[in-house]
């Protein structure tokens, strides 16, 4: 499994994956802002990675952080593509996300969820 930082070469893959994983959400603005190192006014950090096995992207994860709680990383756009589920990638990606958050200096990794019927 390889982790690729969001870049100009994979941004279209990231947007497609986000739309497939979360069809009721539009994350392209978040991903494009992160690519251009731009954050909404209440945030100071936003970064995303794609997860690749062989030549295929199997998942995505990222973080954003708020100015009022700079040591808390919020997990964003975390998911595994449907046809690659139940292979252990979700756990591996979560462990990688936790390590990456620590390496970036965050003390806490948080997750916001909501109800969405995605099968």
N, C-alpha and C. Protein backbone atom coordinates (compact mmCIF):
# COMPACT_ATOMS: atom_id res chain seq x y z
N UNK A 1 0.84 -1.17 0.00
CA UNK A 1 0.00 0.00 0.00
C UNK A 1 0.89 1.24 0.00
N UNK A 2 0.61 2.16 -0.90
CA UNK A 2 1.35 3.41 -0.99
C UNK A 2 0.42 4.58 -0.68
N UNK A 3 0.96 5.59 -0.03
CA UNK A 3 0.20 6.79 0.31
C UNK A 3 0.75 7.93 -0.54
N UNK A 4 -0.13 8.59 -1.29
CA UNK A 4 0.27 9.72 -2.13
C UNK A 4 -0.40 10.99 -1.63
N UNK A 5 0.39 12.01 -1.37
CA UNK A 5 -0.15 13.32 -1.03
C UNK A 5 -0.92 13.84 -2.25
N UNK A 6 -2.05 14.46 -2.00
CA UNK A 6 -2.83 15.06 -3.06
C UNK A 6 -1.95 15.99 -3.89
N UNK A 7 -2.00 15.84 -5.21
CA UNK A 7 -1.18 16.67 -6.09
C UNK A 7 -1.91 16.89 -7.42
N UNK A 8 -1.30 17.65 -8.29
CA UNK A 8 -1.94 17.96 -9.59
C UNK A 8 -2.20 16.71 -10.42
N UNK A 9 -1.37 15.70 -10.26
CA UNK A 9 -1.54 14.47 -11.05
C UNK A 9 -2.68 13.59 -10.58
N UNK A 10 -3.05 13.67 -9.28
CA UNK A 10 -4.09 12.77 -8.78
C UNK A 10 -5.36 13.48 -8.30
N UNK A 11 -5.45 14.79 -8.47
CA UNK A 11 -6.62 15.54 -7.99
C UNK A 11 -7.92 15.05 -8.63
N UNK A 12 -7.90 14.74 -9.91
CA UNK A 12 -9.15 14.28 -10.54
C UNK A 12 -9.55 12.91 -9.99
N UNK A 13 -8.58 12.04 -9.70
CA UNK A 13 -8.87 10.75 -9.07
C UNK A 13 -9.45 10.95 -7.67
N UNK A 14 -8.90 11.91 -6.94
CA UNK A 14 -9.39 12.19 -5.58
C UNK A 14 -10.82 12.70 -5.61
N UNK A 15 -11.13 13.59 -6.53
CA UNK A 15 -12.49 14.13 -6.63
C UNK A 15 -13.47 13.03 -7.01
N UNK A 16 -13.08 12.20 -7.96
CA UNK A 16 -13.96 11.09 -8.36
C UNK A 16 -14.20 10.14 -7.18
N UNK A 17 -13.15 9.81 -6.46
CA UNK A 17 -13.28 8.90 -5.33
C UNK A 17 -14.18 9.50 -4.25
N UNK A 18 -13.98 10.78 -3.94
CA UNK A 18 -14.81 11.44 -2.94
C UNK A 18 -16.28 11.40 -3.36
N UNK A 19 -16.56 11.67 -4.62
CA UNK A 19 -17.95 11.66 -5.11
C UNK A 19 -18.55 10.25 -5.05
N UNK A 20 -17.74 9.24 -5.36
CA UNK A 20 -18.22 7.86 -5.29
C UNK A 20 -18.49 7.43 -3.84
N UNK A 21 -17.60 7.82 -2.93
CA UNK A 21 -17.74 7.43 -1.53
C UNK A 21 -18.84 8.21 -0.81
N UNK A 22 -18.97 9.47 -1.15
CA UNK A 22 -19.92 10.36 -0.47
C UNK A 22 -20.76 11.10 -1.51
N UNK A 23 -21.68 10.41 -2.16
CA UNK A 23 -22.43 11.01 -3.27
C UNK A 23 -23.30 12.20 -2.90
N UNK A 24 -23.65 12.33 -1.64
CA UNK A 24 -24.48 13.46 -1.22
C UNK A 24 -23.66 14.68 -0.82
N UNK A 25 -22.35 14.57 -0.86
CA UNK A 25 -21.44 15.65 -0.48
C UNK A 25 -20.62 16.09 -1.68
N UNK A 26 -20.22 17.35 -1.70
CA UNK A 26 -19.35 17.85 -2.75
C UNK A 26 -18.04 18.28 -2.10
N UNK A 27 -17.05 17.43 -2.17
CA UNK A 27 -15.77 17.71 -1.55
C UNK A 27 -14.74 18.30 -2.48
N UNK A 28 -15.13 18.55 -3.73
CA UNK A 28 -14.13 19.04 -4.69
C UNK A 28 -13.54 20.38 -4.25
N UNK A 29 -14.34 21.24 -3.60
CA UNK A 29 -13.82 22.53 -3.13
C UNK A 29 -12.75 22.29 -2.05
N UNK A 30 -13.03 21.40 -1.10
CA UNK A 30 -12.05 21.08 -0.06
C UNK A 30 -10.75 20.56 -0.67
N UNK A 31 -10.88 19.62 -1.60
CA UNK A 31 -9.70 19.02 -2.21
C UNK A 31 -8.91 20.03 -3.02
N UNK A 32 -9.59 20.88 -3.78
CA UNK A 32 -8.90 21.91 -4.57
C UNK A 32 -8.23 22.94 -3.67
N UNK A 33 -8.91 23.32 -2.57
CA UNK A 33 -8.29 24.26 -1.63
C UNK A 33 -7.04 23.64 -1.01
N UNK A 34 -7.12 22.37 -0.61
CA UNK A 34 -5.97 21.70 -0.01
C UNK A 34 -4.81 21.62 -1.01
N UNK A 35 -5.13 21.32 -2.25
CA UNK A 35 -4.10 21.25 -3.28
C UNK A 35 -3.37 22.58 -3.42
N UNK A 36 -4.11 23.67 -3.30
CA UNK A 36 -3.54 25.02 -3.44
C UNK A 36 -3.11 25.62 -2.12
N UNK A 37 -3.10 24.78 -1.06
CA UNK A 37 -2.67 25.20 0.27
C UNK A 37 -3.49 26.38 0.79
N UNK A 38 -4.80 26.34 0.57
CA UNK A 38 -5.73 27.36 1.02
C UNK A 38 -6.66 26.72 2.05
N UNK A 39 -6.95 27.45 3.12
CA UNK A 39 -7.86 26.95 4.15
C UNK A 39 -9.01 27.93 4.32
N UNK A 40 -10.18 27.42 4.68
CA UNK A 40 -11.26 28.33 5.06
C UNK A 40 -10.81 29.20 6.24
N UNK A 41 -11.43 30.35 6.46
CA UNK A 41 -10.96 31.30 7.50
C UNK A 41 -10.84 30.72 8.91
N UNK A 42 -11.69 29.77 9.28
CA UNK A 42 -11.68 29.22 10.64
C UNK A 42 -10.69 28.06 10.79
N UNK A 43 -10.03 27.67 9.71
CA UNK A 43 -9.07 26.57 9.75
C UNK A 43 -7.66 27.09 9.48
N UNK A 44 -6.67 26.28 9.86
CA UNK A 44 -5.29 26.62 9.52
C UNK A 44 -4.58 25.49 8.80
N UNK A 45 -5.26 24.35 8.69
CA UNK A 45 -4.62 23.18 8.09
C UNK A 45 -5.65 22.36 7.34
N UNK A 46 -5.23 21.88 6.16
CA UNK A 46 -6.09 21.01 5.36
C UNK A 46 -5.17 20.26 4.38
N UNK A 47 -5.16 18.93 4.48
CA UNK A 47 -4.30 18.14 3.61
C UNK A 47 -4.93 16.76 3.41
N UNK A 48 -4.76 16.18 2.21
CA UNK A 48 -5.38 14.90 1.88
C UNK A 48 -4.39 13.98 1.17
N UNK A 49 -4.61 12.67 1.34
CA UNK A 49 -3.78 11.65 0.72
C UNK A 49 -4.66 10.62 0.03
N UNK A 50 -4.15 10.05 -1.05
CA UNK A 50 -4.80 8.93 -1.72
C UNK A 50 -4.01 7.68 -1.40
N UNK A 51 -4.71 6.57 -1.30
CA UNK A 51 -4.09 5.29 -0.96
C UNK A 51 -4.16 4.40 -2.20
N UNK A 52 -3.02 3.86 -2.56
CA UNK A 52 -2.90 3.09 -3.79
C UNK A 52 -2.36 1.70 -3.47
N UNK A 53 -2.94 0.70 -4.10
CA UNK A 53 -2.43 -0.66 -4.03
C UNK A 53 -2.15 -1.07 -5.47
N UNK A 54 -0.89 -1.33 -5.77
CA UNK A 54 -0.52 -1.57 -7.16
C UNK A 54 -0.74 -0.30 -7.97
N UNK A 55 -1.55 -0.38 -9.00
CA UNK A 55 -1.83 0.79 -9.83
C UNK A 55 -3.21 1.38 -9.57
N UNK A 56 -3.91 0.85 -8.56
CA UNK A 56 -5.30 1.26 -8.31
C UNK A 56 -5.43 2.03 -7.00
N UNK A 57 -6.15 3.15 -7.07
CA UNK A 57 -6.48 3.88 -5.84
C UNK A 57 -7.59 3.13 -5.13
N UNK A 58 -7.37 2.86 -3.83
CA UNK A 58 -8.36 2.10 -3.06
C UNK A 58 -8.99 2.92 -1.94
N UNK A 59 -8.41 4.06 -1.63
CA UNK A 59 -8.97 4.85 -0.54
C UNK A 59 -8.42 6.25 -0.49
N UNK A 60 -8.97 7.01 0.44
CA UNK A 60 -8.59 8.40 0.62
C UNK A 60 -8.72 8.74 2.10
N UNK A 61 -7.88 9.65 2.56
CA UNK A 61 -8.03 10.21 3.90
C UNK A 61 -7.36 11.57 3.93
N UNK A 62 -7.74 12.34 4.90
CA UNK A 62 -7.12 13.65 5.06
C UNK A 62 -7.42 14.22 6.43
N UNK A 63 -6.87 15.39 6.67
CA UNK A 63 -7.08 16.09 7.93
C UNK A 63 -7.41 17.54 7.66
N UNK A 64 -8.14 18.10 8.58
CA UNK A 64 -8.28 19.54 8.67
C UNK A 64 -8.18 19.90 10.15
N UNK A 65 -7.80 21.12 10.44
CA UNK A 65 -7.65 21.55 11.83
C UNK A 65 -8.15 22.98 11.97
N UNK A 66 -8.75 23.23 13.12
CA UNK A 66 -9.32 24.54 13.42
C UNK A 66 -8.35 25.39 14.24
N UNK A 67 -8.42 26.69 14.00
CA UNK A 67 -7.54 27.62 14.71
C UNK A 67 -7.75 27.56 16.22
N UNK A 68 -8.99 27.34 16.66
CA UNK A 68 -9.29 27.36 18.09
C UNK A 68 -8.83 26.09 18.82
N UNK A 69 -8.47 25.03 18.08
CA UNK A 69 -7.95 23.81 18.71
C UNK A 69 -6.84 23.23 17.83
N UNK A 70 -5.68 23.90 17.83
CA UNK A 70 -4.61 23.58 16.89
C UNK A 70 -3.94 22.21 17.06
N UNK A 71 -4.17 21.53 18.16
CA UNK A 71 -3.56 20.21 18.36
C UNK A 71 -4.51 19.07 17.99
N UNK A 72 -5.72 19.41 17.52
CA UNK A 72 -6.72 18.41 17.14
C UNK A 72 -6.82 18.31 15.62
N UNK A 73 -6.52 17.15 15.08
CA UNK A 73 -6.70 16.89 13.65
C UNK A 73 -8.06 16.21 13.47
N UNK A 74 -8.83 16.69 12.53
CA UNK A 74 -10.12 16.09 12.21
C UNK A 74 -9.94 15.26 10.95
N UNK A 75 -10.34 14.00 11.02
CA UNK A 75 -10.23 13.09 9.88
C UNK A 75 -11.30 13.46 8.86
N UNK A 76 -10.89 13.67 7.62
CA UNK A 76 -11.84 14.07 6.59
C UNK A 76 -11.73 13.23 5.34
N UNK A 77 -12.84 13.03 4.66
CA UNK A 77 -12.93 12.26 3.43
C UNK A 77 -12.20 10.92 3.57
N UNK A 78 -12.46 10.23 4.65
CA UNK A 78 -11.87 8.93 4.92
C UNK A 78 -12.77 7.85 4.33
N UNK A 79 -12.20 6.97 3.50
CA UNK A 79 -13.01 5.90 2.97
C UNK A 79 -12.23 4.96 2.06
N UNK A 80 -12.85 3.81 1.82
CA UNK A 80 -12.31 2.79 0.92
C UNK A 80 -13.33 2.58 -0.18
N UNK A 81 -12.86 2.52 -1.43
CA UNK A 81 -13.79 2.34 -2.55
C UNK A 81 -14.53 1.01 -2.39
N UNK A 82 -15.75 1.01 -2.87
CA UNK A 82 -16.68 -0.10 -2.61
C UNK A 82 -16.13 -1.47 -2.99
N UNK A 83 -15.54 -1.61 -4.16
CA UNK A 83 -15.07 -2.94 -4.60
C UNK A 83 -13.76 -3.38 -3.94
N UNK A 84 -13.21 -2.54 -3.05
CA UNK A 84 -11.97 -2.91 -2.34
C UNK A 84 -12.21 -3.07 -0.84
N UNK A 85 -13.45 -3.06 -0.42
CA UNK A 85 -13.77 -3.22 1.00
C UNK A 85 -13.63 -4.67 1.42
N UNK A 86 -13.54 -4.85 2.73
CA UNK A 86 -13.42 -6.18 3.36
C UNK A 86 -12.10 -6.88 3.02
N UNK A 87 -11.08 -6.06 2.75
CA UNK A 87 -9.74 -6.58 2.48
C UNK A 87 -8.72 -6.07 3.51
N UNK A 88 -9.21 -5.36 4.52
CA UNK A 88 -8.32 -4.84 5.55
C UNK A 88 -7.76 -3.46 5.27
N UNK A 89 -8.12 -2.86 4.14
CA UNK A 89 -7.57 -1.55 3.79
C UNK A 89 -8.04 -0.45 4.74
N UNK A 90 -9.29 -0.53 5.19
CA UNK A 90 -9.81 0.49 6.10
C UNK A 90 -8.98 0.61 7.36
N UNK A 91 -8.66 -0.52 7.95
CA UNK A 91 -7.84 -0.53 9.16
C UNK A 91 -6.44 -0.01 8.87
N UNK A 92 -5.85 -0.46 7.77
CA UNK A 92 -4.50 -0.01 7.41
C UNK A 92 -4.48 1.51 7.17
N UNK A 93 -5.52 2.01 6.51
CA UNK A 93 -5.58 3.45 6.24
C UNK A 93 -5.74 4.22 7.54
N UNK A 94 -6.58 3.73 8.44
CA UNK A 94 -6.77 4.40 9.73
C UNK A 94 -5.47 4.42 10.53
N UNK A 95 -4.75 3.31 10.56
CA UNK A 95 -3.46 3.28 11.26
C UNK A 95 -2.48 4.26 10.63
N UNK A 96 -2.46 4.34 9.31
CA UNK A 96 -1.58 5.30 8.62
C UNK A 96 -2.00 6.73 8.94
N UNK A 97 -3.29 6.97 8.99
CA UNK A 97 -3.79 8.31 9.34
C UNK A 97 -3.36 8.70 10.75
N UNK A 98 -3.46 7.77 11.68
CA UNK A 98 -3.06 8.05 13.05
C UNK A 98 -1.57 8.37 13.13
N UNK A 99 -0.76 7.60 12.43
CA UNK A 99 0.69 7.84 12.41
C UNK A 99 1.00 9.20 11.78
N UNK A 100 0.34 9.48 10.67
CA UNK A 100 0.57 10.75 9.97
C UNK A 100 0.18 11.93 10.85
N UNK A 101 -0.94 11.83 11.55
CA UNK A 101 -1.36 12.91 12.45
C UNK A 101 -0.31 13.15 13.53
N UNK A 102 0.20 12.07 14.12
CA UNK A 102 1.26 12.21 15.13
C UNK A 102 2.50 12.86 14.53
N UNK A 103 2.90 12.38 13.34
CA UNK A 103 4.10 12.92 12.68
C UNK A 103 3.95 14.41 12.38
N UNK A 104 2.73 14.86 12.14
CA UNK A 104 2.47 16.27 11.85
C UNK A 104 2.34 17.12 13.12
N UNK A 105 2.43 16.47 14.30
CA UNK A 105 2.41 17.21 15.55
C UNK A 105 1.05 17.33 16.22
N UNK A 106 0.05 16.63 15.73
CA UNK A 106 -1.26 16.67 16.36
C UNK A 106 -1.28 15.73 17.55
N UNK A 107 -2.01 16.11 18.59
CA UNK A 107 -2.15 15.29 19.79
C UNK A 107 -3.39 14.40 19.73
N UNK A 108 -4.42 14.85 19.04
CA UNK A 108 -5.71 14.17 19.03
C UNK A 108 -6.20 14.03 17.60
N UNK A 109 -6.76 12.87 17.30
CA UNK A 109 -7.40 12.66 15.99
C UNK A 109 -8.89 12.52 16.25
N UNK A 110 -9.67 13.37 15.62
CA UNK A 110 -11.12 13.39 15.83
C UNK A 110 -11.84 13.04 14.54
N UNK A 111 -13.08 12.59 14.70
CA UNK A 111 -13.89 12.22 13.53
C UNK A 111 -15.30 12.74 13.72
N UNK A 112 -15.80 13.45 12.72
CA UNK A 112 -17.19 13.90 12.70
C UNK A 112 -17.94 12.98 11.75
N UNK A 113 -19.10 12.53 12.17
CA UNK A 113 -19.92 11.69 11.30
C UNK A 113 -21.33 12.25 11.24
N UNK A 114 -22.05 11.84 10.22
CA UNK A 114 -23.47 12.14 10.15
C UNK A 114 -24.16 10.96 9.48
N UNK A 115 -25.45 10.97 9.53
CA UNK A 115 -26.21 9.87 8.94
C UNK A 115 -26.35 10.10 7.44
N UNK A 116 -26.00 9.08 6.68
CA UNK A 116 -26.12 9.14 5.23
C UNK A 116 -26.33 7.73 4.74
N UNK A 117 -27.29 7.52 3.89
CA UNK A 117 -27.59 6.19 3.39
C UNK A 117 -26.75 5.92 2.16
N UNK A 118 -25.59 5.27 2.36
CA UNK A 118 -24.67 4.96 1.26
C UNK A 118 -24.49 3.48 1.04
N UNK A 119 -25.35 2.65 1.52
CA UNK A 119 -25.26 1.18 1.43
C UNK A 119 -24.28 0.67 2.43
